[in-house]
Amino acid sequence: MTRRLNVVLFEPEIPQNTGNIMRTCVAAGFELHLIKPLGFDIDNPKFKRSTTNHITWADYELYEDYADFVANNPGEYYFMTRYGKVPPSDIDFKAIPSDRNIYLIFGKESTGIPKEILKDNLDRCFRIPMTGECRSLNLSNAAAIAIYECLRQLDYPNLSFTEVQNGEDYLESYDATIGK
């Protein structure tokens, strides 16, 4: 079995955040898991627009509740919460066996991950360091930070380090006089 990298959104409420996270998952090669209830209709054209149409390429699954998600997804779970005591850089993603899936779990925008879930996983909780005046970051920004910390530690598996769509040498061949 090849390891899968995953983002889990527990009852996401804001379609623009979920759409942006979906786009980040496509860019980063992560699978997205959405635990119901959702605060929006995933089939709504406005939601699809918020993904900038990346929903076409997204690898995502919907679950009825947290128990449904857990029953179908064995692996290593890590929980983003303002109550975490370590940053994502303190999680040693490289030490996780390559046959174990990694799940970065984020809570709903208004209340986060239920305290009952967090209490049972205190050693798996993390937070992004910030000033005491700020309660939290925007969900999609927090997800992007955690996703790319995980990828950094794993040496960006299966990601391109050069421009693919316009070509690796695009800037070198750019001619400003004709705007190409």
C-alpha atoms as a PDB file:
ATOM      1  CA  MET A   1       0.000   0.000   0.000  1.00  0.00           C
ATOM      2  CA  THR A   2       1.243   3.475  -0.866  1.00  0.00           C
ATOM      3  CA  ARG A   3       0.812   6.180   1.737  1.00  0.00           C
ATOM      4  CA  ARG A   4      -1.957   8.708   1.168  1.00  0.00           C
ATOM      5  CA  LEU A   5      -1.798  12.249   2.516  1.00  0.00           C
ATOM      6  CA  ASN A   6      -5.172  13.575   3.615  1.00  0.00           C
ATOM      7  CA  VAL A   7      -7.004  16.626   4.901  1.00  0.00           C
ATOM      8  CA  VAL A   8     -10.173  16.111   6.913  1.00  0.00           C
ATOM      9  CA  LEU A   9     -12.709  18.903   7.443  1.00  0.00           C
ATOM     10  CA  PHE A  10     -15.050  18.236  10.358  1.00  0.00           C
ATOM     11  CA  GLU A  11     -18.418  19.823   9.534  1.00  0.00           C
ATOM     12  CA  PRO A  12     -17.079  22.749   7.479  1.00  0.00           C
ATOM     13  CA  GLU A  13     -19.403  25.754   7.434  1.00  0.00           C
ATOM     14  CA  ILE A  14     -17.995  28.254   4.934  1.00  0.00           C
ATOM     15  CA  PRO A  15     -17.999  27.201   1.277  1.00  0.00           C
ATOM     16  CA  GLN A  16     -15.177  29.559   0.281  1.00  0.00           C
ATOM     17  CA  ASN A  17     -12.856  28.031   2.892  1.00  0.00           C
ATOM     18  CA  THR A  18     -13.682  24.500   1.779  1.00  0.00           C
ATOM     19  CA  GLY A  19     -13.266  25.492  -1.871  1.00  0.00           C
ATOM     20  CA  ASN A  20      -9.879  27.034  -1.190  1.00  0.00           C
ATOM     21  CA  ILE A  21      -8.757  23.987   0.811  1.00  0.00           C
ATOM     22  CA  MET A  22      -9.959  21.747  -2.019  1.00  0.00           C
ATOM     23  CA  ARG A  23      -7.801  23.733  -4.445  1.00  0.00           C
ATOM     24  CA  THR A  24      -4.800  23.444  -2.094  1.00  0.00           C
ATOM     25  CA  CYS A  25      -5.371  19.689  -1.831  1.00  0.00           C
ATOM     26  CA  VAL A  26      -5.319  19.389  -5.630  1.00  0.00           C
ATOM     27  CA  ALA A  27      -2.067  21.386  -5.797  1.00  0.00           C
ATOM     28  CA  ALA A  28      -0.472  19.388  -2.986  1.00  0.00           C
ATOM     29  CA  GLY A  29      -1.667  15.908  -3.972  1.00  0.00           C
ATOM     30  CA  PHE A  30      -3.791  15.444  -0.828  1.00  0.00           C
ATOM     31  CA  GLU A  31      -7.135  13.683  -0.640  1.00  0.00           C
ATOM     32  CA  LEU A  32      -9.927  15.697   1.016  1.00  0.00           C
ATOM     33  CA  HIS A  33     -12.455  14.170   3.431  1.00  0.00           C
ATOM     34  CA  LEU A  34     -15.604  16.117   4.324  1.00  0.00           C
ATOM     35  CA  ILE A  35     -17.581  15.114   7.408  1.00  0.00           C
ATOM     36  CA  LYS A  36     -21.250  16.109   7.390  1.00  0.00           C
ATOM     37  CA  PRO A  37     -23.209  18.150   8.033  1.00  0.00           C
ATOM     38  CA  LEU A  38     -21.752  20.701   5.647  1.00  0.00           C
ATOM     39  CA  GLY A  39     -22.781  24.337   5.970  1.00  0.00           C
ATOM     40  CA  PHE A  40     -23.392  24.511   2.213  1.00  0.00           C
ATOM     41  CA  ASP A  41     -24.485  22.436  -0.767  1.00  0.00           C
ATOM     42  CA  ILE A  42     -21.440  20.888  -2.439  1.00  0.00           C
ATOM     43  CA  ASP A  43     -23.401  20.646  -5.724  1.00  0.00           C
ATOM     44  CA  ASN A  44     -24.205  24.369  -5.710  1.00  0.00           C
ATOM     45  CA  PRO A  45     -22.601  26.248  -8.621  1.00  0.00           C
ATOM     46  CA  LYS A  46     -21.400  28.942  -6.179  1.00  0.00           C
ATOM     47  CA  PHE A  47     -19.441  26.334  -4.243  1.00  0.00           C
ATOM     48  CA  LYS A  48     -17.958  24.911  -7.421  1.00  0.00           C
ATOM     49  CA  ARG A  49     -16.942  28.435  -8.443  1.00  0.00           C
ATOM     50  CA  SER A  50     -15.228  28.918  -5.052  1.00  0.00           C
ATOM     51  CA  THR A  51     -13.007  25.935  -5.883  1.00  0.00           C
ATOM     52  CA  THR A  52     -12.030  27.761  -9.101  1.00  0.00           C
ATOM     53  CA  ASN A  53     -13.259  24.597 -10.773  1.00  0.00           C
ATOM     54  CA  HIS A  54     -10.567  22.488  -9.086  1.00  0.00           C
ATOM     55  CA  ILE A  55     -13.395  20.255  -7.867  1.00  0.00           C
ATOM     56  CA  THR A  56     -13.005  18.620 -11.297  1.00  0.00           C
ATOM     57  CA  TRP A  57      -9.566  17.302 -10.258  1.00  0.00           C
ATOM     58  CA  ALA A  58     -10.174  16.952  -6.523  1.00  0.00           C
ATOM     59  CA  ASP A  59      -9.992  13.582  -4.845  1.00  0.00           C
ATOM     60  CA  TYR A  60     -12.620  13.897  -2.119  1.00  0.00           C
ATOM     61  CA  GLU A  61     -15.033  11.812  -0.062  1.00  0.00           C
ATOM     62  CA  LEU A  62     -18.128  12.667   1.993  1.00  0.00           C
ATOM     63  CA  TYR A  63     -18.968  11.012   5.332  1.00  0.00           C
ATOM     64  CA  GLU A  64     -22.178  11.016   7.352  1.00  0.00           C
ATOM     65  CA  ASP A  65     -20.367  11.639  10.645  1.00  0.00           C
ATOM     66  CA  TYR A  66     -17.016  11.266  12.417  1.00  0.00           C
ATOM     67  CA  ALA A  67     -17.655   7.590  13.263  1.00  0.00           C
ATOM     68  CA  ASP A  68     -18.252   6.862   9.551  1.00  0.00           C
ATOM     69  CA  PHE A  69     -14.976   8.590   8.682  1.00  0.00           C
ATOM     70  CA  VAL A  70     -12.948   6.707  11.332  1.00  0.00           C
ATOM     71  CA  ALA A  71     -14.460   3.349  10.343  1.00  0.00           C
ATOM     72  CA  ASN A  72     -13.283   3.822   6.758  1.00  0.00           C
ATOM     73  CA  ASN A  73      -9.874   5.448   7.203  1.00  0.00           C
ATOM     74  CA  PRO A  74      -7.119   3.735   9.186  1.00  0.00           C
ATOM     75  CA  GLY A  75      -3.963   5.743   9.696  1.00  0.00           C
ATOM     76  CA  GLU A  76      -2.242   8.419  11.725  1.00  0.00           C
ATOM     77  CA  TYR A  77      -4.544  11.271  12.815  1.00  0.00           C
ATOM     78  CA  TYR A  78      -3.331  14.766  13.766  1.00  0.00           C
ATOM     79  CA  PHE A  79      -5.726  17.440  15.002  1.00  0.00           C
ATOM     80  CA  MET A  80      -5.347  21.183  14.419  1.00  0.00           C
ATOM     81  CA  THR A  81      -6.726  23.030  17.433  1.00  0.00           C
ATOM     82  CA  ARG A  82      -6.064  26.276  19.230  1.00  0.00           C
ATOM     83  CA  TYR A  83      -5.570  24.093  22.327  1.00  0.00           C
ATOM     84  CA  GLY A  84      -2.662  22.174  20.825  1.00  0.00           C
ATOM     85  CA  LYS A  85       0.715  22.673  22.479  1.00  0.00           C
ATOM     86  CA  VAL A  86       3.121  21.975  19.629  1.00  0.00           C
ATOM     87  CA  PRO A  87       3.474  23.442  16.140  1.00  0.00           C
ATOM     88  CA  PRO A  88       3.077  21.217  13.064  1.00  0.00           C
ATOM     89  CA  SER A  89       6.859  21.329  12.620  1.00  0.00           C
ATOM     90  CA  ASP A  90       7.183  19.286  15.845  1.00  0.00           C
ATOM     91  CA  ILE A  91       5.273  16.366  14.324  1.00  0.00           C
ATOM     92  CA  ASP A  92       7.791  13.966  12.797  1.00  0.00           C
ATOM     93  CA  PHE A  93       5.957  13.025   9.603  1.00  0.00           C
ATOM     94  CA  LYS A  94       9.065  11.271   8.240  1.00  0.00           C
ATOM     95  CA  ALA A  95       8.977   8.816  11.149  1.00  0.00           C
ATOM     96  CA  ILE A  96       5.516   7.574  10.172  1.00  0.00           C
ATOM     97  CA  PRO A  97       5.823   4.263   8.307  1.00  0.00           C
ATOM     98  CA  SER A  98       5.372   4.727   4.565  1.00  0.00           C
ATOM     99  CA  ASP A  99       2.442   2.297   4.524  1.00  0.00           C
ATOM    100  CA  ARG A 100       0.451   4.429   7.029  1.00  0.00           C
ATOM    101  CA  ASN A 101      -1.869   7.170   5.753  1.00  0.00           C
ATOM    102  CA  ILE A 102      -1.558  10.605   7.347  1.00  0.00           C
ATOM    103  CA  TYR A 103      -4.683  12.638   8.197  1.00  0.00           C
ATOM    104  CA  LEU A 104      -4.577  16.327   9.125  1.00  0.00           C
ATOM    105  CA  ILE A 105      -7.936  17.045  10.768  1.00  0.00           C
ATOM    106  CA  PHE A 106      -9.470  20.530  11.008  1.00  0.00           C
ATOM    107  CA  GLY A 107     -12.658  21.557  12.783  1.00  0.00           C
ATOM    108  CA  LYS A 108     -15.585  23.707  11.781  1.00  0.00           C
ATOM    109  CA  GLU A 109     -14.969  27.429  11.628  1.00  0.00           C
ATOM    110  CA  SER A 110     -17.233  28.361  14.545  1.00  0.00           C
ATOM    111  CA  THR A 111     -16.304  25.783  17.192  1.00  0.00           C
ATOM    112  CA  GLY A 112     -13.428  23.630  15.916  1.00  0.00           C
ATOM    113  CA  ILE A 113     -13.145  19.908  16.549  1.00  0.00           C
ATOM    114  CA  PRO A 114     -15.383  18.623  19.365  1.00  0.00           C
ATOM    115  CA  LYS A 115     -13.582  18.578  22.715  1.00  0.00           C
ATOM    116  CA  GLU A 116     -14.543  14.910  23.206  1.00  0.00           C
ATOM    117  CA  ILE A 117     -12.485  13.970  20.143  1.00  0.00           C
ATOM    118  CA  LEU A 118      -9.564  16.194  21.140  1.00  0.00           C
ATOM    119  CA  LYS A 119      -9.512  14.901  24.741  1.00  0.00           C
ATOM    120  CA  ASP A 120      -8.942  11.351  23.477  1.00  0.00           C
ATOM    121  CA  ASN A 121      -6.062  12.520  21.232  1.00  0.00           C
ATOM    122  CA  LEU A 122      -4.123  15.089  23.281  1.00  0.00           C
ATOM    123  CA  ASP A 123      -0.771  13.763  22.057  1.00  0.00           C
ATOM    124  CA  ARG A 124      -1.924  14.284  18.444  1.00  0.00           C
ATOM    125  CA  CYS A 125      -3.073  17.923  18.801  1.00  0.00           C
ATOM    126  CA  PHE A 126      -1.089  20.770  17.255  1.00  0.00           C
ATOM    127  CA  ARG A 127      -1.490  24.502  16.693  1.00  0.00           C
ATOM    128  CA  ILE A 128       0.093  27.227  14.616  1.00  0.00           C
ATOM    129  CA  PRO A 129       2.007  29.588  16.912  1.00  0.00           C
ATOM    130  CA  MET A 130       0.601  33.131  16.979  1.00  0.00           C
ATOM    131  CA  THR A 131       0.282  36.115  19.261  1.00  0.00           C
ATOM    132  CA  GLY A 132      -2.004  35.917  22.261  1.00  0.00           C
ATOM    133  CA  GLU A 133      -4.255  38.596  20.789  1.00  0.00           C
ATOM    134  CA  CYS A 134      -5.348  36.295  17.963  1.00  0.00           C
ATOM    135  CA  ARG A 135      -7.678  33.355  18.608  1.00  0.00           C
ATOM    136  CA  SER A 136      -7.100  31.603  15.299  1.00  0.00           C
ATOM    137  CA  LEU A 137      -6.186  31.906  11.639  1.00  0.00           C
ATOM    138  CA  ASN A 138      -8.575  31.519   8.733  1.00  0.00           C
ATOM    139  CA  LEU A 139      -9.256  27.807   8.233  1.00  0.00           C
ATOM    140  CA  SER A 140      -7.963  27.658   4.670  1.00  0.00           C
ATOM    141  CA  ASN A 141      -4.747  29.489   5.640  1.00  0.00           C
ATOM    142  CA  ALA A 142      -4.190  27.159   8.609  1.00  0.00           C
ATOM    143  CA  ALA A 143      -4.766  24.108   6.415  1.00  0.00           C
ATOM    144  CA  ALA A 144      -2.270  25.361   3.822  1.00  0.00           C
ATOM    145  CA  ILE A 145       0.398  25.911   6.492  1.00  0.00           C
ATOM    146  CA  ALA A 146      -0.051  22.404   7.921  1.00  0.00           C
ATOM    147  CA  ILE A 147      -0.239  20.749   4.488  1.00  0.00           C
ATOM    148  CA  TYR A 148       3.002  22.302   3.311  1.00  0.00           C
ATOM    149  CA  GLU A 149       4.811  21.567   6.595  1.00  0.00           C
ATOM    150  CA  CYS A 150       3.908  17.906   6.135  1.00  0.00           C
ATOM    151  CA  LEU A 151       5.064  18.035   2.509  1.00  0.00           C
ATOM    152  CA  ARG A 152       8.310  19.833   3.427  1.00  0.00           C
ATOM    153  CA  GLN A 153       9.238  17.084   5.863  1.00  0.00           C
ATOM    154  CA  LEU A 154       8.436  14.393   3.293  1.00  0.00           C
ATOM    155  CA  ASP A 155      10.469  16.195   0.572  1.00  0.00           C
ATOM    156  CA  TYR A 156       7.380  17.192  -1.449  1.00  0.00           C
ATOM    157  CA  PRO A 157       6.495  13.749  -2.808  1.00  0.00           C
ATOM    158  CA  ASN A 158       5.218  13.713  -6.399  1.00  0.00           C
ATOM    159  CA  LEU A 159       5.240  17.526  -6.689  1.00  0.00           C
ATOM    160  CA  SER A 160       6.945  19.512  -9.424  1.00  0.00           C
ATOM    161  CA  PHE A 161       9.695  21.959  -8.516  1.00  0.00           C
ATOM    162  CA  THR A 162       9.431  23.672 -11.901  1.00  0.00           C
ATOM    163  CA  GLU A 163       6.665  25.333 -13.918  1.00  0.00           C
ATOM    164  CA  VAL A 164       4.798  22.696 -15.898  1.00  0.00           C
ATOM    165  CA  GLN A 165       2.006  24.512 -17.753  1.00  0.00           C
ATOM    166  CA  ASN A 166       4.148  27.204 -19.441  1.00  0.00           C
ATOM    167  CA  GLY A 167       7.353  25.172 -19.424  1.00  0.00           C
ATOM    168  CA  GLU A 168      10.359  25.005 -17.153  1.00  0.00           C
ATOM    169  CA  ASP A 169      12.298  27.672 -19.102  1.00  0.00           C
ATOM    170  CA  TYR A 170       9.383  30.072 -19.580  1.00  0.00           C
ATOM    171  CA  LEU A 171      11.090  33.101 -18.007  1.00  0.00           C
ATOM    172  CA  GLU A 172      14.334  32.479 -19.833  1.00  0.00           C
ATOM    173  CA  SER A 173      12.472  32.511 -23.161  1.00  0.00           C
ATOM    174  CA  TYR A 174      10.093  35.378 -22.271  1.00  0.00           C
ATOM    175  CA  ASP A 175      10.279  38.269 -24.727  1.00  0.00           C
ATOM    176  CA  ALA A 176       8.962  41.465 -23.080  1.00  0.00           C
ATOM    177  CA  THR A 177       8.964  43.356 -26.380  1.00  0.00           C
ATOM    178  CA  ILE A 178       6.155  41.207 -27.735  1.00  0.00           C
ATOM    179  CA  GLY A 179       4.524  40.238 -24.437  1.00  0.00           C
ATOM    180  CA  LYS A 180       4.894  36.474 -24.779  1.00  0.00           C
END
